[in-house]
C-alpha cells in the first residue's frame, strides 16, 4: 500500500511514498473488529508502511539544526524507543478499529489480496524498507527521464496515482503540521530556541507551501517510477483505476489520517525526550 507526505529530504520522501489528513479522523460507519483490522494491515502492506515511519527519525536533527552524532549512542537508543514499531502498530489498530467501516475494508482487502494486489504490496513493501532513500530517488528520477524521452504514458498514470492517493489534497498541509508540532514541542522542551512565534512560523510555512508542493510532487513521481518499474503499463493502469474508486478513496483518506497523526505524535514525543540527551556522552 502506497501513502504521501521539506526538506529535510528523507522525511519528505518517506511521506511522499507512504498521505494523511492531519485535521482529524473521519468516522465511516460500522467499524471493523481488531482481528480483521490486523489481517487488513498485513494484506495491504500498511503494517510495513507504518514500520517505515521509524526511518523518518533520522530527519529530526536536521529539522532542528543539531548534529545527532554529538549525542552518541543515546540518539540511536532514543529514536528506536520512541519510534517503536509495535507501539505504532498498536496505535493504528486502536484508531482503525473505531473508524474503518466494513465495506471499505472488504473492498480494499479484496483488491490487495488478488494476484496483482499481492505483487504490488511486495513491491511497495520493498520500496518502503530501502534505507538509502537518496539512491532510490536518483534511480526513480532516471526512470522518469527515460519515460519522458520515450513519450511514455506512464508519467500521466503516475500523476493520476499520486492524485488518487491524496484525493483530498491534504499531504502538504499534513507535512507542514508535523513540522510545526515538532518544532513547537522542541522549543517548549528547551531543545531549540525559535526566532519566530507560532503565528510567525505558520506564516513562514504558508509562504513556502508552493515550493513544498512541487517538491512533494516530484518526489512522489520518482518514488512511483522506482517502485512500479517492473510492472506493465496495463498493470499500472489497473492499479490507478482501483485507487480512483470511491471505497478505496475512503480507505486512503483514513489511512493517511492515521499515518500523519502517528508521525506527528512520535515526533512530539521525540522532541520532549531530546531535552534529556547529554552531548558528547555515550551510554
C-alpha atoms as a PDB file:
ATOM      1  CA  UNK A   1       0.000   0.000   0.000  1.00  0.00           C
ATOM      2  CA  UNK A   2       1.390   3.353  -1.016  1.00  0.00           C
ATOM      3  CA  UNK A   3       0.819   6.504   1.043  1.00  0.00           C
ATOM      4  CA  UNK A   4       2.070  10.506   0.575  1.00  0.00           C
ATOM      5  CA  UNK A   5       3.902  13.172   2.781  1.00  0.00           C
ATOM      6  CA  UNK A   6      10.780  19.960   3.452  1.00  0.00           C
ATOM      7  CA  UNK A   7      13.033  19.275   3.401  1.00  0.00           C
ATOM      8  CA  UNK A   8      14.815  17.536   5.134  1.00  0.00           C
ATOM      9  CA  UNK A   9      14.601  15.286   2.139  1.00  0.00           C
ATOM     10  CA  UNK A  10      14.330  11.963   3.968  1.00  0.00           C
ATOM     11  CA  UNK A  11      11.097  12.990   5.731  1.00  0.00           C
ATOM     12  CA  UNK A  12       9.662  14.487   2.560  1.00  0.00           C
ATOM     13  CA  UNK A  13      10.470  11.378   0.543  1.00  0.00           C
ATOM     14  CA  UNK A  14       9.213   8.984   3.173  1.00  0.00           C
ATOM     15  CA  UNK A  15       5.864  10.687   3.488  1.00  0.00           C
ATOM     16  CA  UNK A  16       5.629  11.185  -0.231  1.00  0.00           C
ATOM     17  CA  UNK A  17       5.954   7.470  -0.708  1.00  0.00           C
ATOM     18  CA  UNK A  18       3.983   6.384   2.153  1.00  0.00           C
ATOM     19  CA  UNK A  19      -0.515  10.875   2.641  1.00  0.00           C
ATOM     20  CA  UNK A  20      -2.793  11.514   5.640  1.00  0.00           C
ATOM     21  CA  UNK A  21      -5.275  14.180   6.771  1.00  0.00           C
ATOM     22  CA  UNK A  22      -3.873  15.700   9.942  1.00  0.00           C
ATOM     23  CA  UNK A  23      -7.090  17.630  10.514  1.00  0.00           C
ATOM     24  CA  UNK A  24      -8.863  14.665  12.070  1.00  0.00           C
ATOM     25  CA  UNK A  25     -10.034  11.109  11.581  1.00  0.00           C
ATOM     26  CA  UNK A  26     -13.240  10.576   9.589  1.00  0.00           C
ATOM     27  CA  UNK A  27     -15.927   8.336  11.046  1.00  0.00           C
ATOM     28  CA  UNK A  28     -17.089   5.974   8.302  1.00  0.00           C
ATOM     29  CA  UNK A  29     -19.867   3.794   9.654  1.00  0.00           C
ATOM     30  CA  UNK A  30     -19.839   0.359  11.262  1.00  0.00           C
ATOM     31  CA  UNK A  31     -16.312  -0.290  12.461  1.00  0.00           C
ATOM     32  CA  UNK A  32     -14.349  -3.497  11.959  1.00  0.00           C
ATOM     33  CA  UNK A  33     -13.048  -5.730  14.775  1.00  0.00           C
ATOM     34  CA  UNK A  34      -9.369  -5.853  15.713  1.00  0.00           C
ATOM     35  CA  UNK A  35      -8.637  -9.272  14.232  1.00  0.00           C
ATOM     36  CA  UNK A  36      -9.971  -8.218  10.829  1.00  0.00           C
ATOM     37  CA  UNK A  37      -8.087  -4.921  11.007  1.00  0.00           C
ATOM     38  CA  UNK A  38      -4.831  -6.754  11.775  1.00  0.00           C
ATOM     39  CA  UNK A  39      -5.386  -9.003   8.755  1.00  0.00           C
ATOM     40  CA  UNK A  40      -6.205  -5.927   6.683  1.00  0.00           C
ATOM     41  CA  UNK A  41      -2.939  -4.222   7.658  1.00  0.00           C
ATOM     42  CA  UNK A  42      -0.956  -7.270   6.602  1.00  0.00           C
ATOM     43  CA  UNK A  43      -2.669  -7.966   3.282  1.00  0.00           C
ATOM     44  CA  UNK A  44      -2.482  -4.312   2.206  1.00  0.00           C
ATOM     45  CA  UNK A  45       1.079  -3.784   3.408  1.00  0.00           C
ATOM     46  CA  UNK A  46       0.050  -0.871   5.621  1.00  0.00           C
ATOM     47  CA  UNK A  47       1.816  -2.572   8.533  1.00  0.00           C
ATOM     48  CA  UNK A  48       5.153  -2.187   6.724  1.00  0.00           C
ATOM     49  CA  UNK A  49       4.280   1.396   5.785  1.00  0.00           C
ATOM     50  CA  UNK A  50       3.737   2.127   9.484  1.00  0.00           C
ATOM     51  CA  UNK A  51       7.034   0.492  10.431  1.00  0.00           C
ATOM     52  CA  UNK A  52       8.858   2.668   7.906  1.00  0.00           C
ATOM     53  CA  UNK A  53       7.820   5.780   9.853  1.00  0.00           C
ATOM     54  CA  UNK A  54      10.809   4.932  12.041  1.00  0.00           C
ATOM     55  CA  UNK A  55      13.103   5.808   9.129  1.00  0.00           C
ATOM     56  CA  UNK A  56      11.926   9.423   9.403  1.00  0.00           C
ATOM     57  CA  UNK A  57      13.631   9.740  12.807  1.00  0.00           C
ATOM     58  CA  UNK A  58      16.905  10.415  11.006  1.00  0.00           C
ATOM     59  CA  UNK A  59      15.463  13.704   9.710  1.00  0.00           C
ATOM     60  CA  UNK A  60      14.739  15.094  13.191  1.00  0.00           C
ATOM     61  CA  UNK A  61      18.206  16.564  13.918  1.00  0.00           C
ATOM     62  CA  UNK A  62      18.269  18.281  10.510  1.00  0.00           C
ATOM     63  CA  UNK A  63      14.945  19.970  11.201  1.00  0.00           C
ATOM     64  CA  UNK A  64      16.296  21.274  14.498  1.00  0.00           C
ATOM     65  CA  UNK A  65      19.727  22.210  13.175  1.00  0.00           C
ATOM     66  CA  UNK A  66      21.578  19.871  15.548  1.00  0.00           C
ATOM     67  CA  UNK A  67      24.096  17.075  14.976  1.00  0.00           C
ATOM     68  CA  UNK A  68      22.765  13.689  16.075  1.00  0.00           C
ATOM     69  CA  UNK A  69      26.342  12.390  16.232  1.00  0.00           C
ATOM     70  CA  UNK A  70      27.018  14.701  19.160  1.00  0.00           C
ATOM     71  CA  UNK A  71      24.752  12.550  21.331  1.00  0.00           C
ATOM     72  CA  UNK A  72      26.497   9.266  20.582  1.00  0.00           C
ATOM     73  CA  UNK A  73      24.564   6.071  21.213  1.00  0.00           C
ATOM     74  CA  UNK A  74      21.947   7.974  23.182  1.00  0.00           C
ATOM     75  CA  UNK A  75      20.381   9.224  19.960  1.00  0.00           C
ATOM     76  CA  UNK A  76      20.109   5.760  18.425  1.00  0.00           C
ATOM     77  CA  UNK A  77      18.561   4.290  21.558  1.00  0.00           C
ATOM     78  CA  UNK A  78      16.139   7.186  21.977  1.00  0.00           C
ATOM     79  CA  UNK A  79      14.915   7.148  18.374  1.00  0.00           C
ATOM     80  CA  UNK A  80      14.453   3.368  18.424  1.00  0.00           C
ATOM     81  CA  UNK A  81      12.459   3.621  21.650  1.00  0.00           C
ATOM     82  CA  UNK A  82      10.224   6.495  20.509  1.00  0.00           C
ATOM     83  CA  UNK A  83       9.598   5.012  17.069  1.00  0.00           C
ATOM     84  CA  UNK A  84       8.915   1.521  18.413  1.00  0.00           C
ATOM     85  CA  UNK A  85       7.137  -0.335  15.607  1.00  0.00           C
ATOM     86  CA  UNK A  86       4.961  -2.425  17.929  1.00  0.00           C
ATOM     87  CA  UNK A  87       3.670   0.704  19.650  1.00  0.00           C
ATOM     88  CA  UNK A  88       2.960   2.439  16.352  1.00  0.00           C
ATOM     89  CA  UNK A  89       1.033  -0.572  15.070  1.00  0.00           C
ATOM     90  CA  UNK A  90      -0.953  -0.691  18.300  1.00  0.00           C
ATOM     91  CA  UNK A  91      -1.880   2.987  17.955  1.00  0.00           C
ATOM     92  CA  UNK A  92      -3.002   2.386  14.379  1.00  0.00           C
ATOM     93  CA  UNK A  93      -5.129  -0.587  15.390  1.00  0.00           C
ATOM     94  CA  UNK A  94      -6.861   1.392  18.131  1.00  0.00           C
ATOM     95  CA  UNK A  95      -7.799   4.154  15.693  1.00  0.00           C
ATOM     96  CA  UNK A  96      -8.802   1.901  12.811  1.00  0.00           C
ATOM     97  CA  UNK A  97     -10.970  -0.346  14.981  1.00  0.00           C
ATOM     98  CA  UNK A  98     -13.344   2.560  15.571  1.00  0.00           C
ATOM     99  CA  UNK A  99     -13.107   4.300  12.195  1.00  0.00           C
ATOM    100  CA  UNK A 100     -12.636   1.771   9.373  1.00  0.00           C
ATOM    101  CA  UNK A 101     -16.003   0.577   8.033  1.00  0.00           C
ATOM    102  CA  UNK A 102     -16.604  -2.985   6.872  1.00  0.00           C
ATOM    103  CA  UNK A 103     -17.453  -2.113   3.254  1.00  0.00           C
ATOM    104  CA  UNK A 104     -14.286  -0.097   2.652  1.00  0.00           C
ATOM    105  CA  UNK A 105     -12.159  -2.691   4.454  1.00  0.00           C
ATOM    106  CA  UNK A 106     -13.544  -5.537   2.342  1.00  0.00           C
ATOM    107  CA  UNK A 107     -13.165  -3.589  -0.901  1.00  0.00           C
ATOM    108  CA  UNK A 108      -9.503  -2.716  -0.313  1.00  0.00           C
ATOM    109  CA  UNK A 109      -8.631  -6.130   1.135  1.00  0.00           C
ATOM    110  CA  UNK A 110     -10.154  -7.932  -1.860  1.00  0.00           C
ATOM    111  CA  UNK A 111      -8.077  -5.907  -4.306  1.00  0.00           C
ATOM    112  CA  UNK A 112      -4.794  -6.258  -2.430  1.00  0.00           C
ATOM    113  CA  UNK A 113      -5.401  -9.986  -1.874  1.00  0.00           C
ATOM    114  CA  UNK A 114      -5.554 -10.550  -5.648  1.00  0.00           C
ATOM    115  CA  UNK A 115      -2.515 -11.728  -7.595  1.00  0.00           C
ATOM    116  CA  UNK A 116      -1.801  -8.216  -8.880  1.00  0.00           C
ATOM    117  CA  UNK A 117      -2.527  -6.732  -5.471  1.00  0.00           C
ATOM    118  CA  UNK A 118      -0.050  -9.000  -3.691  1.00  0.00           C
ATOM    119  CA  UNK A 119       2.655  -8.278  -6.265  1.00  0.00           C
ATOM    120  CA  UNK A 120       2.042  -4.569  -5.744  1.00  0.00           C
ATOM    121  CA  UNK A 121       2.252  -4.982  -1.973  1.00  0.00           C
ATOM    122  CA  UNK A 122       5.564  -6.851  -2.238  1.00  0.00           C
ATOM    123  CA  UNK A 123       6.990  -4.100  -4.448  1.00  0.00           C
ATOM    124  CA  UNK A 124       5.715  -1.371  -2.122  1.00  0.00           C
ATOM    125  CA  UNK A 125       6.998  -3.131   0.991  1.00  0.00           C
ATOM    126  CA  UNK A 126      10.438  -3.489  -0.597  1.00  0.00           C
ATOM    127  CA  UNK A 127      10.426   0.197  -1.515  1.00  0.00           C
ATOM    128  CA  UNK A 128       9.350   1.262   1.977  1.00  0.00           C
ATOM    129  CA  UNK A 129      12.274  -0.564   3.572  1.00  0.00           C
ATOM    130  CA  UNK A 130      15.047   0.871   1.384  1.00  0.00           C
ATOM    131  CA  UNK A 131      17.101   2.879   3.878  1.00  0.00           C
ATOM    132  CA  UNK A 132      19.247   4.761   1.352  1.00  0.00           C
ATOM    133  CA  UNK A 133      16.407   6.869   0.004  1.00  0.00           C
ATOM    134  CA  UNK A 134      18.728   9.134  -1.984  1.00  0.00           C
ATOM    135  CA  UNK A 135      19.687   6.176  -4.163  1.00  0.00           C
ATOM    136  CA  UNK A 136      16.025   5.296  -4.667  1.00  0.00           C
ATOM    137  CA  UNK A 137      15.155   8.867  -5.633  1.00  0.00           C
ATOM    138  CA  UNK A 138      18.076   9.042  -8.045  1.00  0.00           C
ATOM    139  CA  UNK A 139      17.022   5.801  -9.702  1.00  0.00           C
ATOM    140  CA  UNK A 140      13.408   6.960  -9.859  1.00  0.00           C
ATOM    141  CA  UNK A 141      14.355  10.259 -11.460  1.00  0.00           C
ATOM    142  CA  UNK A 142      16.416   8.446 -14.085  1.00  0.00           C
ATOM    143  CA  UNK A 143      13.426   6.281 -14.911  1.00  0.00           C
ATOM    144  CA  UNK A 144      11.221   9.383 -15.174  1.00  0.00           C
ATOM    145  CA  UNK A 145      13.754  10.974 -17.524  1.00  0.00           C
ATOM    146  CA  UNK A 146      13.762   7.886 -19.751  1.00  0.00           C
ATOM    147  CA  UNK A 147       9.951   7.785 -19.762  1.00  0.00           C
ATOM    148  CA  UNK A 148       9.782  11.428 -20.809  1.00  0.00           C
ATOM    149  CA  UNK A 149      12.256  10.846 -23.648  1.00  0.00           C
ATOM    150  CA  UNK A 150      10.225   7.863 -24.828  1.00  0.00           C
ATOM    151  CA  UNK A 151       6.952   9.778 -24.671  1.00  0.00           C
ATOM    152  CA  UNK A 152       5.550   7.127 -22.324  1.00  0.00           C
ATOM    153  CA  UNK A 153       2.042   7.346 -20.893  1.00  0.00           C
ATOM    154  CA  UNK A 154       3.395   6.106 -17.546  1.00  0.00           C
ATOM    155  CA  UNK A 155       4.062   9.678 -16.396  1.00  0.00           C
ATOM    156  CA  UNK A 156       0.368  10.524 -16.675  1.00  0.00           C
ATOM    157  CA  UNK A 157      -0.514   7.271 -14.895  1.00  0.00           C
ATOM    158  CA  UNK A 158       1.809   8.074 -12.004  1.00  0.00           C
ATOM    159  CA  UNK A 159       0.350  11.584 -11.766  1.00  0.00           C
ATOM    160  CA  UNK A 160      -3.133  10.089 -11.519  1.00  0.00           C
ATOM    161  CA  UNK A 161      -1.855   7.646  -8.914  1.00  0.00           C
ATOM    162  CA  UNK A 162      -0.416  10.435  -6.759  1.00  0.00           C
ATOM    163  CA  UNK A 163      -3.688  12.381  -7.030  1.00  0.00           C
ATOM    164  CA  UNK A 164      -5.767   9.320  -6.124  1.00  0.00           C
ATOM    165  CA  UNK A 165      -3.684   8.508  -3.065  1.00  0.00           C
ATOM    166  CA  UNK A 166      -4.113  12.063  -1.768  1.00  0.00           C
ATOM    167  CA  UNK A 167      -7.507  12.862  -3.308  1.00  0.00           C
ATOM    168  CA  UNK A 168      -8.293  15.421  -0.597  1.00  0.00           C
ATOM    169  CA  UNK A 169      -5.031  17.257  -1.321  1.00  0.00           C
ATOM    170  CA  UNK A 170      -4.025  17.290   2.345  1.00  0.00           C
ATOM    171  CA  UNK A 171      -0.477  15.942   2.045  1.00  0.00           C
ATOM    172  CA  UNK A 172       1.334  19.286   2.025  1.00  0.00           C
ATOM    173  CA  UNK A 173      -0.672  20.706   4.928  1.00  0.00           C
ATOM    174  CA  UNK A 174      -0.157  17.492   6.873  1.00  0.00           C
ATOM    175  CA  UNK A 175       3.610  17.550   6.422  1.00  0.00           C
ATOM    176  CA  UNK A 176       3.716  21.185   7.499  1.00  0.00           C
ATOM    177  CA  UNK A 177       1.609  20.347  10.553  1.00  0.00           C
ATOM    178  CA  UNK A 178       4.036  17.575  11.512  1.00  0.00           C
ATOM    179  CA  UNK A 179       6.942  20.012  11.230  1.00  0.00           C
ATOM    180  CA  UNK A 180       5.065  22.678  13.168  1.00  0.00           C
ATOM    181  CA  UNK A 181       4.167  20.368  16.047  1.00  0.00           C
ATOM    182  CA  UNK A 182       7.728  19.023  16.217  1.00  0.00           C
ATOM    183  CA  UNK A 183       9.369  22.459  16.239  1.00  0.00           C
ATOM    184  CA  UNK A 184       6.945  23.859  18.816  1.00  0.00           C
ATOM    185  CA  UNK A 185       7.420  20.806  21.055  1.00  0.00           C
ATOM    186  CA  UNK A 186      11.209  21.097  20.761  1.00  0.00           C
ATOM    187  CA  UNK A 187      11.044  24.784  21.675  1.00  0.00           C
ATOM    188  CA  UNK A 188       8.776  24.073  24.650  1.00  0.00           C
ATOM    189  CA  UNK A 189      11.219  21.399  25.857  1.00  0.00           C
ATOM    190  CA  UNK A 190      14.149  23.809  25.601  1.00  0.00           C
ATOM    191  CA  UNK A 191      15.861  21.781  22.877  1.00  0.00           C
ATOM    192  CA  UNK A 192      15.932  24.767  20.488  1.00  0.00           C
ATOM    193  CA  UNK A 193      15.165  28.479  20.551  1.00  0.00           C
ATOM    194  CA  UNK A 194      12.829  29.716  17.837  1.00  0.00           C
ATOM    195  CA  UNK A 195      13.181  33.238  16.490  1.00  0.00           C
ATOM    196  CA  UNK A 196       9.532  33.123  15.405  1.00  0.00           C
ATOM    197  CA  UNK A 197       6.403  32.669  17.491  1.00  0.00           C
ATOM    198  CA  UNK A 198       3.689  30.222  16.459  1.00  0.00           C
ATOM    199  CA  UNK A 199       1.969  32.711  14.144  1.00  0.00           C
ATOM    200  CA  UNK A 200       5.263  33.683  12.537  1.00  0.00           C
ATOM    201  CA  UNK A 201       6.203  30.055  11.967  1.00  0.00           C
ATOM    202  CA  UNK A 202       2.839  29.333  10.351  1.00  0.00           C
ATOM    203  CA  UNK A 203       3.234  32.386   8.104  1.00  0.00           C
ATOM    204  CA  UNK A 204       6.678  31.194   7.018  1.00  0.00           C
ATOM    205  CA  UNK A 205       5.349  27.742   6.226  1.00  0.00           C
ATOM    206  CA  UNK A 206       2.485  29.214   4.243  1.00  0.00           C
ATOM    207  CA  UNK A 207       4.947  31.248   2.187  1.00  0.00           C
ATOM    208  CA  UNK A 208       6.900  28.065   1.415  1.00  0.00           C
ATOM    209  CA  UNK A 209       3.837  25.942   0.644  1.00  0.00           C
ATOM    210  CA  UNK A 210       4.049  26.249  -3.137  1.00  0.00           C
ATOM    211  CA  UNK A 211       7.684  25.183  -3.248  1.00  0.00           C
ATOM    212  CA  UNK A 212       6.989  22.289  -0.895  1.00  0.00           C
ATOM    213  CA  UNK A 213       4.065  21.121  -3.013  1.00  0.00           C
ATOM    214  CA  UNK A 214       6.257  20.976  -6.119  1.00  0.00           C
ATOM    215  CA  UNK A 215       8.962  19.097  -4.194  1.00  0.00           C
ATOM    216  CA  UNK A 216       6.443  16.559  -2.937  1.00  0.00           C
ATOM    217  CA  UNK A 217       5.007  16.007  -6.403  1.00  0.00           C
ATOM    218  CA  UNK A 218       8.461  15.416  -7.876  1.00  0.00           C
ATOM    219  CA  UNK A 219       9.407  13.097  -5.013  1.00  0.00           C
ATOM    220  CA  UNK A 220       6.171  11.127  -5.365  1.00  0.00           C
ATOM    221  CA  UNK A 221       6.648  10.654  -9.103  1.00  0.00           C
ATOM    222  CA  UNK A 222      10.214   9.425  -8.623  1.00  0.00           C
ATOM    223  CA  UNK A 223       9.112   7.053  -5.853  1.00  0.00           C
ATOM    224  CA  UNK A 224       6.326   5.646  -8.025  1.00  0.00           C
ATOM    225  CA  UNK A 225       8.649   5.187 -11.001  1.00  0.00           C
ATOM    226  CA  UNK A 226      11.118   3.270  -8.818  1.00  0.00           C
ATOM    227  CA  UNK A 227       8.512   1.161  -7.039  1.00  0.00           C
ATOM    228  CA  UNK A 228       6.493   0.064 -10.075  1.00  0.00           C
ATOM    229  CA  UNK A 229       9.264  -0.234 -12.667  1.00  0.00           C
ATOM    230  CA  UNK A 230       8.734  -3.996 -13.086  1.00  0.00           C
ATOM    231  CA  UNK A 231       5.001  -3.673 -13.793  1.00  0.00           C
ATOM    232  CA  UNK A 232       3.452  -3.369 -17.243  1.00  0.00           C
ATOM    233  CA  UNK A 233       1.500  -0.326 -18.410  1.00  0.00           C
ATOM    234  CA  UNK A 234      -1.706  -2.358 -18.204  1.00  0.00           C
ATOM    235  CA  UNK A 235      -0.993  -3.374 -14.605  1.00  0.00           C
ATOM    236  CA  UNK A 236      -0.199   0.184 -13.529  1.00  0.00           C
ATOM    237  CA  UNK A 237      -3.357   1.395 -15.275  1.00  0.00           C
ATOM    238  CA  UNK A 238      -5.416  -1.254 -13.460  1.00  0.00           C
ATOM    239  CA  UNK A 239      -3.945  -0.124 -10.137  1.00  0.00           C
ATOM    240  CA  UNK A 240      -4.718   3.523 -10.841  1.00  0.00           C
ATOM    241  CA  UNK A 241      -8.327   2.680 -11.708  1.00  0.00           C
ATOM    242  CA  UNK A 242      -8.656   0.712  -8.458  1.00  0.00           C
ATOM    243  CA  UNK A 243      -7.227   3.619  -6.445  1.00  0.00           C
ATOM    244  CA  UNK A 244      -9.710   6.023  -8.021  1.00  0.00           C
ATOM    245  CA  UNK A 245     -12.760   4.014  -6.878  1.00  0.00           C
ATOM    246  CA  UNK A 246     -14.805   5.598  -4.069  1.00  0.00           C
ATOM    247  CA  UNK A 247     -14.333   2.861  -1.412  1.00  0.00           C
ATOM    248  CA  UNK A 248     -10.564   2.882  -1.957  1.00  0.00           C
ATOM    249  CA  UNK A 249     -10.564   6.675  -1.678  1.00  0.00           C
ATOM    250  CA  UNK A 250     -12.251   6.383   1.731  1.00  0.00           C
ATOM    251  CA  UNK A 251      -9.665   3.840   2.847  1.00  0.00           C
ATOM    252  CA  UNK A 252      -6.746   6.023   1.815  1.00  0.00           C
ATOM    253  CA  UNK A 253      -8.253   9.120   3.407  1.00  0.00           C
ATOM    254  CA  UNK A 254      -8.433   7.259   6.698  1.00  0.00           C
ATOM    255  CA  UNK A 255      -5.050   5.532   6.449  1.00  0.00           C
ATOM    256  CA  UNK A 256      -3.412   8.834   5.557  1.00  0.00           C
ATOM    257  CA  UNK A 257      -5.017  10.426   8.597  1.00  0.00           C
ATOM    258  CA  UNK A 258      -3.768   7.617  10.828  1.00  0.00           C
ATOM    259  CA  UNK A 259      -0.233   7.767   9.487  1.00  0.00           C
ATOM    260  CA  UNK A 260       0.055  11.548   9.770  1.00  0.00           C
ATOM    261  CA  UNK A 261      -1.248  11.547  13.328  1.00  0.00           C
ATOM    262  CA  UNK A 262       1.106   8.777  14.447  1.00  0.00           C
ATOM    263  CA  UNK A 263       4.081  10.506  12.796  1.00  0.00           C
ATOM    264  CA  UNK A 264       3.260  13.839  14.448  1.00  0.00           C
ATOM    265  CA  UNK A 265       2.679  12.138  17.804  1.00  0.00           C
ATOM    266  CA  UNK A 266       6.024  10.340  17.695  1.00  0.00           C
ATOM    267  CA  UNK A 267       7.929  13.475  16.647  1.00  0.00           C
ATOM    268  CA  UNK A 268       6.383  15.409  19.540  1.00  0.00           C
ATOM    269  CA  UNK A 269       7.430  12.663  21.952  1.00  0.00           C
ATOM    270  CA  UNK A 270      10.923  12.682  20.445  1.00  0.00           C
ATOM    271  CA  UNK A 271      11.199  16.448  20.952  1.00  0.00           C
ATOM    272  CA  UNK A 272      10.226  16.216  24.615  1.00  0.00           C
ATOM    273  CA  UNK A 273      12.700  13.426  25.322  1.00  0.00           C
ATOM    274  CA  UNK A 274      15.573  15.059  23.434  1.00  0.00           C
ATOM    275  CA  UNK A 275      15.775  17.507  26.332  1.00  0.00           C
ATOM    276  CA  UNK A 276      17.294  14.686  28.417  1.00  0.00           C
ATOM    277  CA  UNK A 277      20.111  13.901  25.968  1.00  0.00           C
ATOM    278  CA  UNK A 278      23.660  14.760  27.009  1.00  0.00           C
ATOM    279  CA  UNK A 279      26.005  15.857  24.176  1.00  0.00           C
ATOM    280  CA  UNK A 280      29.333  14.061  23.988  1.00  0.00           C
ATOM    281  CA  UNK A 281      28.435  11.072  26.147  1.00  0.00           C
ATOM    282  CA  UNK A 282      27.629   7.531  25.027  1.00  0.00           C
ATOM    283  CA  UNK A 283      25.561   5.143  27.058  1.00  0.00           C
END
